[in-house]
Amino acid sequence: RHDTLYDRLKALLTSRDLRLQHAERGLSFVQQ
């Protein structure tokens, strides 16, 4: 959200593991 964008985006862009956690769940969600 507007008030969480800075903190959340910083965490995502500085953590490869966090990015992979979300990327790996995407395809199955679309399929479901």
PDB file of all heavy atoms in Angstrom:
ATOM      1  N   ARG A   1       0.876  -1.170   0.000  1.00  0.00           N
ATOM      2  CA  ARG A   1       0.000   0.000   0.000  1.00  0.00           C
ATOM      3  C   ARG A   1       0.913   1.219   0.000  1.00  0.00           C
ATOM      4  O   ARG A   1       2.134   1.099   0.121  1.00  0.00           O
ATOM      5  CB  ARG A   1      -0.903  -0.004   1.232  1.00  0.00           C
ATOM      6  CG  ARG A   1      -1.821  -1.194   1.344  1.00  0.00           C
ATOM      7  CD  ARG A   1      -2.471  -1.247   2.719  1.00  0.00           C
ATOM      8  NE  ARG A   1      -3.314  -0.080   2.967  1.00  0.00           N
ATOM      9  CZ  ARG A   1      -4.635  -0.141   3.127  1.00  0.00           C
ATOM     10  NH1 ARG A   1      -5.254  -1.300   3.065  1.00  0.00           N
ATOM     11  NH2 ARG A   1      -5.333   0.941   3.350  1.00  0.00           N
ATOM     12  N   HIS A   2       0.302   2.407  -0.098  1.00  0.00           N
ATOM     13  CA  HIS A   2       1.114   3.622  -0.109  1.00  0.00           C
ATOM     14  C   HIS A   2       1.998   3.720   1.128  1.00  0.00           C
ATOM     15  O   HIS A   2       3.183   4.067   1.036  1.00  0.00           O
ATOM     16  CB  HIS A   2       0.206   4.855  -0.190  1.00  0.00           C
ATOM     17  CG  HIS A   2      -0.389   5.066  -1.540  1.00  0.00           C
ATOM     18  ND1 HIS A   2       0.214   5.809  -2.523  1.00  0.00           N
ATOM     19  CD2 HIS A   2      -1.543   4.600  -2.087  1.00  0.00           C
ATOM     20  CE1 HIS A   2      -0.535   5.806  -3.610  1.00  0.00           C
ATOM     21  NE2 HIS A   2      -1.606   5.076  -3.371  1.00  0.00           N
ATOM     22  N   ASP A   3       1.435   3.383   2.280  1.00  0.00           N
ATOM     23  CA  ASP A   3       2.175   3.573   3.524  1.00  0.00           C
ATOM     24  C   ASP A   3       3.161   2.448   3.821  1.00  0.00           C
ATOM     25  O   ASP A   3       3.975   2.557   4.743  1.00  0.00           O
ATOM     26  CB  ASP A   3       1.219   3.746   4.704  1.00  0.00           C
ATOM     27  CG  ASP A   3       0.248   2.593   4.860  1.00  0.00           C
ATOM     28  OD1 ASP A   3       0.165   1.756   3.940  1.00  0.00           O
ATOM     29  OD2 ASP A   3      -0.430   2.521   5.899  1.00  0.00           O
ATOM     30  N   THR A   4       3.110   1.364   3.057  1.00  0.00           N
ATOM     31  CA  THR A   4       4.038   0.255   3.280  1.00  0.00           C
ATOM     32  C   THR A   4       5.010   0.061   2.120  1.00  0.00           C
ATOM     33  O   THR A   4       5.894  -0.799   2.197  1.00  0.00           O
ATOM     34  CB  THR A   4       3.276  -1.071   3.496  1.00  0.00           C
ATOM     35  OG1 THR A   4       2.590  -1.434   2.282  1.00  0.00           O
ATOM     36  CG2 THR A   4       2.271  -0.944   4.636  1.00  0.00           C
ATOM     37  N   LEU A   5       4.853   0.830   1.059  1.00  0.00           N
ATOM     38  CA  LEU A   5       5.594   0.567  -0.174  1.00  0.00           C
ATOM     39  C   LEU A   5       7.108   0.617   0.037  1.00  0.00           C
ATOM     40  O   LEU A   5       7.835  -0.264  -0.425  1.00  0.00           O
ATOM     41  CB  LEU A   5       5.172   1.555  -1.265  1.00  0.00           C
ATOM     42  CG  LEU A   5       5.863   1.383  -2.616  1.00  0.00           C
ATOM     43  CD1 LEU A   5       5.594   0.002  -3.193  1.00  0.00           C
ATOM     44  CD2 LEU A   5       5.411   2.468  -3.598  1.00  0.00           C
ATOM     45  N   TYR A   6       7.584   1.632   0.730  1.00  0.00           N
ATOM     46  CA  TYR A   6       9.037   1.772   0.889  1.00  0.00           C
ATOM     47  C   TYR A   6       9.629   0.572   1.629  1.00  0.00           C
ATOM     48  O   TYR A   6      10.569  -0.081   1.132  1.00  0.00           O
ATOM     49  CB  TYR A   6       9.367   3.075   1.626  1.00  0.00           C
ATOM     50  CG  TYR A   6      10.821   3.145   2.050  1.00  0.00           C
ATOM     51  CD1 TYR A   6      11.828   3.466   1.141  1.00  0.00           C
ATOM     52  CD2 TYR A   6      11.189   2.863   3.372  1.00  0.00           C
ATOM     53  CE1 TYR A   6      13.170   3.503   1.521  1.00  0.00           C
ATOM     54  CE2 TYR A   6      12.519   2.896   3.765  1.00  0.00           C
ATOM     55  CZ  TYR A   6      13.504   3.219   2.840  1.00  0.00           C
ATOM     56  OH  TYR A   6      14.817   3.245   3.221  1.00  0.00           O
ATOM     57  N   ASP A   7       9.101   0.259   2.783  1.00  0.00           N
ATOM     58  CA  ASP A   7       9.663  -0.825   3.590  1.00  0.00           C
ATOM     59  C   ASP A   7       9.527  -2.177   2.893  1.00  0.00           C
ATOM     60  O   ASP A   7      10.464  -2.990   2.883  1.00  0.00           O
ATOM     61  CB  ASP A   7       8.988  -0.878   4.960  1.00  0.00           C
ATOM     62  CG  ASP A   7       9.345   0.310   5.827  1.00  0.00           C
ATOM     63  OD1 ASP A   7      10.443   0.866   5.662  1.00  0.00           O
ATOM     64  OD2 ASP A   7       8.512   0.694   6.683  1.00  0.00           O
ATOM     65  N   ARG A   8       8.365  -2.426   2.314  1.00  0.00           N
ATOM     66  CA  ARG A   8       8.122  -3.720   1.680  1.00  0.00           C
ATOM     67  C   ARG A   8       8.976  -3.891   0.423  1.00  0.00           C
ATOM     68  O   ARG A   8       9.556  -4.958   0.188  1.00  0.00           O
ATOM     69  CB  ARG A   8       6.637  -3.856   1.324  1.00  0.00           C
ATOM     70  CG  ARG A   8       5.682  -3.808   2.509  1.00  0.00           C
ATOM     71  CD  ARG A   8       5.515  -5.158   3.145  1.00  0.00           C
ATOM     72  NE  ARG A   8       4.755  -6.071   2.300  1.00  0.00           N
ATOM     73  CZ  ARG A   8       4.650  -7.373   2.567  1.00  0.00           C
ATOM     74  NH1 ARG A   8       5.258  -7.900   3.620  1.00  0.00           N
ATOM     75  NH2 ARG A   8       3.936  -8.170   1.767  1.00  0.00           N
ATOM     76  N   LEU A   9       9.068  -2.846  -0.378  1.00  0.00           N
ATOM     77  CA  LEU A   9       9.847  -2.951  -1.612  1.00  0.00           C
ATOM     78  C   LEU A   9      11.338  -3.082  -1.299  1.00  0.00           C
ATOM     79  O   LEU A   9      12.056  -3.844  -1.965  1.00  0.00           O
ATOM     80  CB  LEU A   9       9.575  -1.735  -2.498  1.00  0.00           C
ATOM     81  CG  LEU A   9       9.930  -1.874  -3.978  1.00  0.00           C
ATOM     82  CD1 LEU A   9       9.281  -3.106  -4.589  1.00  0.00           C
ATOM     83  CD2 LEU A   9       9.498  -0.629  -4.746  1.00  0.00           C
ATOM     84  N   LYS A  10      11.807  -2.378  -0.287  1.00  0.00           N
ATOM     85  CA  LYS A  10      13.214  -2.495   0.100  1.00  0.00           C
ATOM     86  C   LYS A  10      13.528  -3.924   0.530  1.00  0.00           C
ATOM     87  O   LYS A  10      14.559  -4.492   0.136  1.00  0.00           O
ATOM     88  CB  LYS A  10      13.531  -1.524   1.226  1.00  0.00           C
ATOM     89  CG  LYS A  10      14.998  -1.548   1.651  1.00  0.00           C
ATOM     90  CD  LYS A  10      15.296  -0.488   2.693  1.00  0.00           C
ATOM     91  CE  LYS A  10      16.787  -0.476   3.044  1.00  0.00           C
ATOM     92  NZ  LYS A  10      17.099   0.577   4.047  1.00  0.00           N
ATOM     93  N   ALA A  11      12.624  -4.511   1.308  1.00  0.00           N
ATOM     94  CA  ALA A  11      12.846  -5.886   1.757  1.00  0.00           C
ATOM     95  C   ALA A  11      12.876  -6.854   0.578  1.00  0.00           C
ATOM     96  O   ALA A  11      13.712  -7.764   0.531  1.00  0.00           O
ATOM     97  CB  ALA A  11      11.752  -6.287   2.750  1.00  0.00           C
ATOM     98  N   LEU A  12      11.992  -6.656  -0.378  1.00  0.00           N
ATOM     99  CA  LEU A  12      11.929  -7.567  -1.522  1.00  0.00           C
ATOM    100  C   LEU A  12      13.164  -7.436  -2.410  1.00  0.00           C
ATOM    101  O   LEU A  12      13.727  -8.437  -2.856  1.00  0.00           O
ATOM    102  CB  LEU A  12      10.657  -7.281  -2.331  1.00  0.00           C
ATOM    103  CG  LEU A  12      10.379  -8.244  -3.487  1.00  0.00           C
ATOM    104  CD1 LEU A  12      10.012  -9.633  -2.962  1.00  0.00           C
ATOM    105  CD2 LEU A  12       9.270  -7.716  -4.397  1.00  0.00           C
ATOM    106  N   LEU A  13      13.570  -6.204  -2.677  1.00  0.00           N
ATOM    107  CA  LEU A  13      14.682  -5.994  -3.610  1.00  0.00           C
ATOM    108  C   LEU A  13      16.028  -6.383  -3.004  1.00  0.00           C
ATOM    109  O   LEU A  13      16.995  -6.615  -3.745  1.00  0.00           O
ATOM    110  CB  LEU A  13      14.713  -4.530  -4.061  1.00  0.00           C
ATOM    111  CG  LEU A  13      13.483  -4.037  -4.825  1.00  0.00           C
ATOM    112  CD1 LEU A  13      13.704  -2.638  -5.359  1.00  0.00           C
ATOM    113  CD2 LEU A  13      13.104  -4.984  -5.948  1.00  0.00           C
ATOM    114  N   THR A  14      16.119  -6.470  -1.691  1.00  0.00           N
ATOM    115  CA  THR A  14      17.385  -6.825  -1.052  1.00  0.00           C
ATOM    116  C   THR A  14      17.429  -8.280  -0.602  1.00  0.00           C
ATOM    117  O   THR A  14      18.409  -8.712   0.010  1.00  0.00           O
ATOM    118  CB  THR A  14      17.658  -5.916   0.164  1.00  0.00           C
ATOM    119  OG1 THR A  14      16.548  -5.996   1.074  1.00  0.00           O
ATOM    120  CG2 THR A  14      17.851  -4.473  -0.277  1.00  0.00           C
ATOM    121  N   SER A  15      16.391  -9.051  -0.907  1.00  0.00           N
ATOM    122  CA  SER A  15      16.355 -10.463  -0.498  1.00  0.00           C
ATOM    123  C   SER A  15      16.005 -11.356  -1.687  1.00  0.00           C
ATOM    124  O   SER A  15      14.843 -11.431  -2.109  1.00  0.00           O
ATOM    125  CB  SER A  15      15.351 -10.681   0.631  1.00  0.00           C
ATOM    126  OG  SER A  15      15.207 -12.063   0.916  1.00  0.00           O
ATOM    127  N   ARG A  16      16.999 -12.035  -2.211  1.00  0.00           N
ATOM    128  CA  ARG A  16      16.755 -12.973  -3.304  1.00  0.00           C
ATOM    129  C   ARG A  16      15.826 -14.093  -2.842  1.00  0.00           C
ATOM    130  O   ARG A  16      14.936 -14.516  -3.588  1.00  0.00           O
ATOM    131  CB  ARG A  16      18.081 -13.547  -3.799  1.00  0.00           C
ATOM    132  CG  ARG A  16      17.960 -14.592  -4.909  1.00  0.00           C
ATOM    133  CD  ARG A  16      19.343 -15.035  -5.375  1.00  0.00           C
ATOM    134  NE  ARG A  16      19.249 -16.052  -6.406  1.00  0.00           N
ATOM    135  CZ  ARG A  16      19.183 -17.355  -6.177  1.00  0.00           C
ATOM    136  NH1 ARG A  16      19.191 -17.812  -4.914  1.00  0.00           N
ATOM    137  NH2 ARG A  16      19.112 -18.220  -7.180  1.00  0.00           N
ATOM    138  N   ASP A  17      16.029 -14.594  -1.622  1.00  0.00           N
ATOM    139  CA  ASP A  17      15.191 -15.677  -1.112  1.00  0.00           C
ATOM    140  C   ASP A  17      13.729 -15.263  -1.042  1.00  0.00           C
ATOM    141  O   ASP A  17      12.833 -16.052  -1.384  1.00  0.00           O
ATOM    142  CB  ASP A  17      15.674 -16.118   0.271  1.00  0.00           C
ATOM    143  CG  ASP A  17      16.995 -16.873   0.221  1.00  0.00           C
ATOM    144  OD1 ASP A  17      17.369 -17.330  -0.878  1.00  0.00           O
ATOM    145  OD2 ASP A  17      17.643 -16.997   1.275  1.00  0.00           O
ATOM    146  N   LEU A  18      13.447 -14.033  -0.617  1.00  0.00           N
ATOM    147  CA  LEU A  18      12.066 -13.557  -0.527  1.00  0.00           C
ATOM    148  C   LEU A  18      11.435 -13.475  -1.912  1.00  0.00           C
ATOM    149  O   LEU A  18      10.277 -13.859  -2.107  1.00  0.00           O
ATOM    150  CB  LEU A  18      12.031 -12.188   0.162  1.00  0.00           C
ATOM    151  CG  LEU A  18      10.644 -11.585   0.417  1.00  0.00           C
ATOM    152  CD1 LEU A  18       9.794 -12.512   1.282  1.00  0.00           C
ATOM    153  CD2 LEU A  18      10.783 -10.207   1.073  1.00  0.00           C
ATOM    154  N   ARG A  19      12.205 -13.011  -2.880  1.00  0.00           N
ATOM    155  CA  ARG A  19      11.686 -12.934  -4.249  1.00  0.00           C
ATOM    156  C   ARG A  19      11.359 -14.331  -4.771  1.00  0.00           C
ATOM    157  O   ARG A  19      10.324 -14.557  -5.406  1.00  0.00           O
ATOM    158  CB  ARG A  19      12.700 -12.245  -5.166  1.00  0.00           C
ATOM    159  CG  ARG A  19      12.931 -10.782  -4.840  1.00  0.00           C
ATOM    160  CD  ARG A  19      13.674 -10.070  -5.956  1.00  0.00           C
ATOM    161  NE  ARG A  19      15.015 -10.611  -6.196  1.00  0.00           N
ATOM    162  CZ  ARG A  19      16.116 -10.215  -5.568  1.00  0.00           C
ATOM    163  NH1 ARG A  19      16.032  -9.279  -4.624  1.00  0.00           N
ATOM    164  NH2 ARG A  19      17.301 -10.729  -5.864  1.00  0.00           N
ATOM    165  N   LEU A  20      12.248 -15.283  -4.511  1.00  0.00           N
ATOM    166  CA  LEU A  20      12.025 -16.640  -4.996  1.00  0.00           C
ATOM    167  C   LEU A  20      10.805 -17.272  -4.329  1.00  0.00           C
ATOM    168  O   LEU A  20      10.046 -18.005  -4.981  1.00  0.00           O
ATOM    169  CB  LEU A  20      13.270 -17.497  -4.737  1.00  0.00           C
ATOM    170  CG  LEU A  20      14.499 -17.164  -5.588  1.00  0.00           C
ATOM    171  CD1 LEU A  20      15.687 -18.026  -5.174  1.00  0.00           C
ATOM    172  CD2 LEU A  20      14.201 -17.358  -7.068  1.00  0.00           C
ATOM    173  N   GLN A  21      10.602 -17.012  -3.040  1.00  0.00           N
ATOM    174  CA  GLN A  21       9.442 -17.566  -2.338  1.00  0.00           C
ATOM    175  C   GLN A  21       8.141 -17.170  -3.030  1.00  0.00           C
ATOM    176  O   GLN A  21       7.231 -17.988  -3.195  1.00  0.00           O
ATOM    177  CB  GLN A  21       9.424 -17.081  -0.890  1.00  0.00           C
ATOM    178  CG  GLN A  21      10.482 -17.693   0.006  1.00  0.00           C
ATOM    179  CD  GLN A  21      10.501 -17.048   1.371  1.00  0.00           C
ATOM    180  OE1 GLN A  21       9.509 -16.448   1.799  1.00  0.00           O
ATOM    181  NE2 GLN A  21      11.630 -17.161   2.071  1.00  0.00           N
ATOM    182  N   HIS A  22       8.046 -15.907  -3.434  1.00  0.00           N
ATOM    183  CA  HIS A  22       6.816 -15.431  -4.073  1.00  0.00           C
ATOM    184  C   HIS A  22       6.738 -15.865  -5.529  1.00  0.00           C
ATOM    185  O   HIS A  22       5.657 -16.224  -6.023  1.00  0.00           O
ATOM    186  CB  HIS A  22       6.718 -13.911  -3.940  1.00  0.00           C
ATOM    187  CG  HIS A  22       6.341 -13.471  -2.565  1.00  0.00           C
ATOM    188  ND1 HIS A  22       5.032 -13.301  -2.170  1.00  0.00           N
ATOM    189  CD2 HIS A  22       7.101 -13.203  -1.483  1.00  0.00           C
ATOM    190  CE1 HIS A  22       5.005 -12.937  -0.902  1.00  0.00           C
ATOM    191  NE2 HIS A  22       6.243 -12.861  -0.460  1.00  0.00           N
ATOM    192  N   ALA A  23       7.859 -15.865  -6.224  1.00  0.00           N
ATOM    193  CA  ALA A  23       7.850 -16.264  -7.630  1.00  0.00           C
ATOM    194  C   ALA A  23       7.480 -17.735  -7.786  1.00  0.00           C
ATOM    195  O   ALA A  23       6.753 -18.113  -8.716  1.00  0.00           O
ATOM    196  CB  ALA A  23       9.215 -15.996  -8.257  1.00  0.00           C
ATOM    197  N   GLU A  24       7.948 -18.562  -6.881  1.00  0.00           N
ATOM    198  CA  GLU A  24       7.715 -20.005  -6.999  1.00  0.00           C
ATOM    199  C   GLU A  24       6.267 -20.405  -6.736  1.00  0.00           C
ATOM    200  O   GLU A  24       5.848 -21.498  -7.122  1.00  0.00           O
ATOM    201  CB  GLU A  24       8.657 -20.744  -6.045  1.00  0.00           C
ATOM    202  CG  GLU A  24      10.113 -20.701  -6.496  1.00  0.00           C
ATOM    203  CD  GLU A  24      11.082 -21.164  -5.413  1.00  0.00           C
ATOM    204  OE1 GLU A  24      10.611 -21.438  -4.277  1.00  0.00           O
ATOM    205  OE2 GLU A  24      12.294 -21.249  -5.694  1.00  0.00           O
ATOM    206  N   ARG A  25       5.498 -19.541  -6.117  1.00  0.00           N
ATOM    207  CA  ARG A  25       4.085 -19.847  -5.824  1.00  0.00           C
ATOM    208  C   ARG A  25       3.139 -19.379  -6.916  1.00  0.00           C
ATOM    209  O   ARG A  25       1.950 -19.717  -6.913  1.00  0.00           O
ATOM    210  CB  ARG A  25       3.671 -19.202  -4.498  1.00  0.00           C
ATOM    211  CG  ARG A  25       4.371 -19.776  -3.276  1.00  0.00           C
ATOM    212  CD  ARG A  25       4.163 -18.886  -2.059  1.00  0.00           C
ATOM    213  NE  ARG A  25       2.749 -18.561  -1.860  1.00  0.00           N
ATOM    214  CZ  ARG A  25       2.326 -17.494  -1.199  1.00  0.00           C
ATOM    215  NH1 ARG A  25       3.181 -16.627  -0.687  1.00  0.00           N
ATOM    216  NH2 ARG A  25       1.038 -17.278  -1.056  1.00  0.00           N
ATOM    217  N   GLY A  26       3.638 -18.590  -7.853  1.00  0.00           N
ATOM    218  CA  GLY A  26       2.749 -17.937  -8.807  1.00  0.00           C
ATOM    219  C   GLY A  26       2.033 -18.863  -9.761  1.00  0.00           C
ATOM    220  O   GLY A  26       0.815 -18.773  -9.953  1.00  0.00           O
ATOM    221  N   LEU A  27       2.775 -19.772 -10.386  1.00  0.00           N
ATOM    222  CA  LEU A  27       2.185 -20.616 -11.423  1.00  0.00           C
ATOM    223  C   LEU A  27       1.065 -21.483 -10.869  1.00  0.00           C
ATOM    224  O   LEU A  27       0.000 -21.605 -11.494  1.00  0.00           O
ATOM    225  CB  LEU A  27       3.266 -21.482 -12.064  1.00  0.00           C
ATOM    226  CG  LEU A  27       2.802 -22.396 -13.199  1.00  0.00           C
ATOM    227  CD1 LEU A  27       2.209 -21.585 -14.340  1.00  0.00           C
ATOM    228  CD2 LEU A  27       3.968 -23.251 -13.702  1.00  0.00           C
ATOM    229  N   SER A  28       1.270 -22.083  -9.706  1.00  0.00           N
ATOM    230  CA  SER A  28       0.230 -22.953  -9.142  1.00  0.00           C
ATOM    231  C   SER A  28      -1.012 -22.161  -8.780  1.00  0.00           C
ATOM    232  O   SER A  28      -2.135 -22.662  -8.906  1.00  0.00           O
ATOM    233  CB  SER A  28       0.766 -23.700  -7.919  1.00  0.00           C
ATOM    234  OG  SER A  28       1.128 -22.791  -6.889  1.00  0.00           O
ATOM    235  N   PHE A  29      -0.843 -20.901  -8.351  1.00  0.00           N
ATOM    236  CA  PHE A  29      -2.008 -20.071  -8.045  1.00  0.00           C
ATOM    237  C   PHE A  29      -2.827 -19.799  -9.300  1.00  0.00           C
ATOM    238  O   PHE A  29      -4.063 -19.881  -9.279  1.00  0.00           O
ATOM    239  CB  PHE A  29      -1.567 -18.750  -7.406  1.00  0.00           C
ATOM    240  CG  PHE A  29      -2.708 -17.838  -7.070  1.00  0.00           C
ATOM    241  CD1 PHE A  29      -3.499 -18.076  -5.957  1.00  0.00           C
ATOM    242  CD2 PHE A  29      -2.999 -16.734  -7.859  1.00  0.00           C
ATOM    243  CE1 PHE A  29      -4.560 -17.232  -5.641  1.00  0.00           C
ATOM    244  CE2 PHE A  29      -4.047 -15.890  -7.550  1.00  0.00           C
ATOM    245  CZ  PHE A  29      -4.831 -16.139  -6.432  1.00  0.00           C
ATOM    246  N   VAL A  30      -2.151 -19.478 -10.394  1.00  0.00           N
ATOM    247  CA  VAL A  30      -2.865 -19.255 -11.659  1.00  0.00           C
ATOM    248  C   VAL A  30      -3.597 -20.525 -12.070  1.00  0.00           C
ATOM    249  O   VAL A  30      -4.753 -20.482 -12.505  1.00  0.00           O
ATOM    250  CB  VAL A  30      -1.883 -18.805 -12.761  1.00  0.00           C
ATOM    251  CG1 VAL A  30      -2.599 -18.718 -14.111  1.00  0.00           C
ATOM    252  CG2 VAL A  30      -1.270 -17.457 -12.414  1.00  0.00           C
ATOM    253  N   GLN A  31      -2.947 -21.667 -11.930  1.00  0.00           N
ATOM    254  CA  GLN A  31      -3.565 -22.937 -12.301  1.00  0.00           C
ATOM    255  C   GLN A  31      -4.799 -23.237 -11.444  1.00  0.00           C
ATOM    256  O   GLN A  31      -5.786 -23.783 -11.935  1.00  0.00           O
ATOM    257  CB  GLN A  31      -2.544 -24.070 -12.161  1.00  0.00           C
ATOM    258  CG  GLN A  31      -1.425 -24.012 -13.188  1.00  0.00           C
ATOM    259  CD  GLN A  31      -0.301 -24.988 -12.886  1.00  0.00           C
ATOM    260  OE1 GLN A  31      -0.057 -25.327 -11.727  1.00  0.00           O
ATOM    261  NE2 GLN A  31       0.390 -25.445 -13.925  1.00  0.00           N
ATOM    262  N   GLN A  32      -4.761 -22.874 -10.190  1.00  0.00           N
ATOM    263  CA  GLN A  32      -5.873 -23.157  -9.284  1.00  0.00           C
ATOM    264  C   GLN A  32      -7.062 -22.229  -9.495  1.00  0.00           C
ATOM    265  O   GLN A  32      -8.211 -22.656  -9.387  1.00  0.00           O
ATOM    266  CB  GLN A  32      -5.395 -23.039  -7.832  1.00  0.00           C
ATOM    267  CG  GLN A  32      -4.409 -24.101  -7.408  1.00  0.00           C
ATOM    268  CD  GLN A  32      -3.717 -23.753  -6.104  1.00  0.00           C
ATOM    269  OE1 GLN A  32      -4.148 -22.877  -5.365  1.00  0.00           O
ATOM    270  NE2 GLN A  32      -2.619 -24.437  -5.823  1.00  0.00           N
TER     271      GLN A  32
END
